[in-house]
Amino acid sequence: MLHFGSIDIRTDIFILILSILFALFQVFLCFKLKKNTFRLIPVCLTLALTVLFVALGFIFDGWDSFGFFFLAGCSAVISACCGIGWAIWVIL
């Protein structure tokens, strides 16, 4: 659970909603922009976050590393959803 003051958010639902938003944003970018470099920005940013979190997971020890590996997994899921957005754009 994520705790924001008095609001509790389930982590799996939060990642699901964020992934859907990133996939829709990626589809929007693919249809509206003509240059591939701008279309790759969300994928590159989320992959960079994944690599950063994995590196931090190996640097830190204990429960901190578990948290960083969890964040790496979440950002990898978001990267995969950007790939799904690319696939939707290719199909349509």
Protein backbone atom coordinates (compact mmCIF):
# COMPACT_ATOMS: atom_id res chain seq x y z
CA MET A 1 0.00 0.00 0.00
CA LEU A 2 1.12 3.52 -0.76
CA HIS A 3 0.28 6.01 1.98
CA PHE A 4 -0.33 9.66 1.09
CA GLY A 5 -1.50 11.25 4.30
CA SER A 6 -4.90 9.75 5.02
CA ILE A 7 -5.19 8.20 1.54
CA ASP A 8 -4.14 4.57 1.00
CA ILE A 9 -3.59 3.41 -2.57
CA ARG A 10 -3.06 -0.21 -3.55
CA THR A 11 0.25 -0.48 -5.35
CA ASP A 12 -0.90 -2.94 -8.01
CA ILE A 13 -3.82 -0.71 -9.04
CA PHE A 14 -1.53 2.32 -9.05
CA ILE A 15 0.97 0.59 -11.38
CA LEU A 16 -1.86 -0.68 -13.60
CA ILE A 17 -3.32 2.81 -14.02
CA LEU A 18 0.11 4.33 -14.60
CA SER A 19 0.94 1.66 -17.19
CA ILE A 20 -2.30 2.25 -19.08
CA LEU A 21 -1.65 5.99 -19.09
CA PHE A 22 1.88 5.50 -20.42
CA ALA A 23 0.63 3.14 -23.15
CA LEU A 24 -2.03 5.65 -24.22
CA PHE A 25 0.52 8.47 -24.13
CA GLN A 26 2.87 6.40 -26.29
CA VAL A 27 0.11 5.71 -28.83
CA PHE A 28 -0.72 9.42 -28.89
CA LEU A 29 2.93 10.32 -29.49
CA CYS A 30 3.26 7.75 -32.26
CA PHE A 31 0.25 9.11 -34.14
CA LYS A 32 1.00 12.81 -33.65
CA LEU A 33 4.79 12.99 -34.08
CA LYS A 34 6.65 12.18 -37.27
CA LYS A 35 10.20 11.80 -35.88
CA ASN A 36 11.13 8.52 -34.23
CA THR A 37 13.47 10.26 -31.80
CA PHE A 38 10.60 12.05 -30.08
CA ARG A 39 8.54 8.86 -30.07
CA LEU A 40 11.30 7.10 -28.15
CA ILE A 41 11.46 9.60 -25.27
CA PRO A 42 9.03 7.77 -22.89
CA VAL A 43 10.66 4.40 -23.59
CA CYS A 44 14.16 5.78 -23.03
CA LEU A 45 13.17 7.53 -19.80
CA THR A 46 11.50 4.48 -18.30
CA LEU A 47 14.36 2.18 -19.36
CA ALA A 48 16.85 4.61 -17.82
CA LEU A 49 14.83 4.53 -14.59
CA THR A 50 14.85 0.72 -14.68
CA VAL A 51 18.62 0.60 -15.08
CA LEU A 52 19.08 3.20 -12.33
CA PHE A 53 16.88 1.30 -9.88
CA VAL A 54 18.64 -2.00 -10.64
CA ALA A 55 22.03 -0.35 -10.07
CA LEU A 56 20.82 1.16 -6.79
CA GLY A 57 19.45 -2.24 -5.80
CA PHE A 58 22.90 -3.75 -6.16
CA ILE A 59 24.63 -0.84 -4.40
CA PHE A 60 22.42 -0.81 -1.29
CA ASP A 61 21.82 -3.77 0.98
CA GLY A 62 18.99 -5.00 3.15
CA TRP A 63 15.45 -3.80 2.70
CA ASP A 64 16.60 -0.79 0.69
CA SER A 65 17.74 -3.05 -2.14
CA PHE A 66 14.37 -4.83 -2.09
CA GLY A 67 12.62 -1.49 -2.53
CA PHE A 68 14.85 -0.50 -5.43
CA PHE A 69 14.31 -3.85 -7.16
CA PHE A 70 10.57 -3.41 -6.68
CA LEU A 71 10.77 0.04 -8.28
CA ALA A 72 12.86 -1.44 -11.11
CA GLY A 73 10.16 -4.03 -11.73
CA CYS A 74 7.46 -1.36 -11.76
CA SER A 75 9.36 0.82 -14.21
CA ALA A 76 10.05 -2.24 -16.39
CA VAL A 77 6.29 -2.88 -16.53
CA ILE A 78 5.76 0.72 -17.62
CA SER A 79 8.46 0.30 -20.30
CA ALA A 80 6.68 -2.81 -21.53
CA CYS A 81 3.43 -0.86 -21.76
CA CYS A 82 5.21 1.74 -23.89
CA GLY A 83 6.20 -1.17 -26.13
CA ILE A 84 2.55 -2.23 -26.24
CA GLY A 85 1.72 1.33 -27.31
CA TRP A 86 4.21 0.98 -30.17
CA ALA A 87 2.61 -2.35 -31.14
CA ILE A 88 -0.85 -0.78 -31.19
CA TRP A 89 0.45 2.01 -33.41
CA VAL A 90 2.01 -0.49 -35.84
CA ILE A 91 -1.20 -2.54 -36.02
CA LEU A 92 -3.46 0.47 -36.55
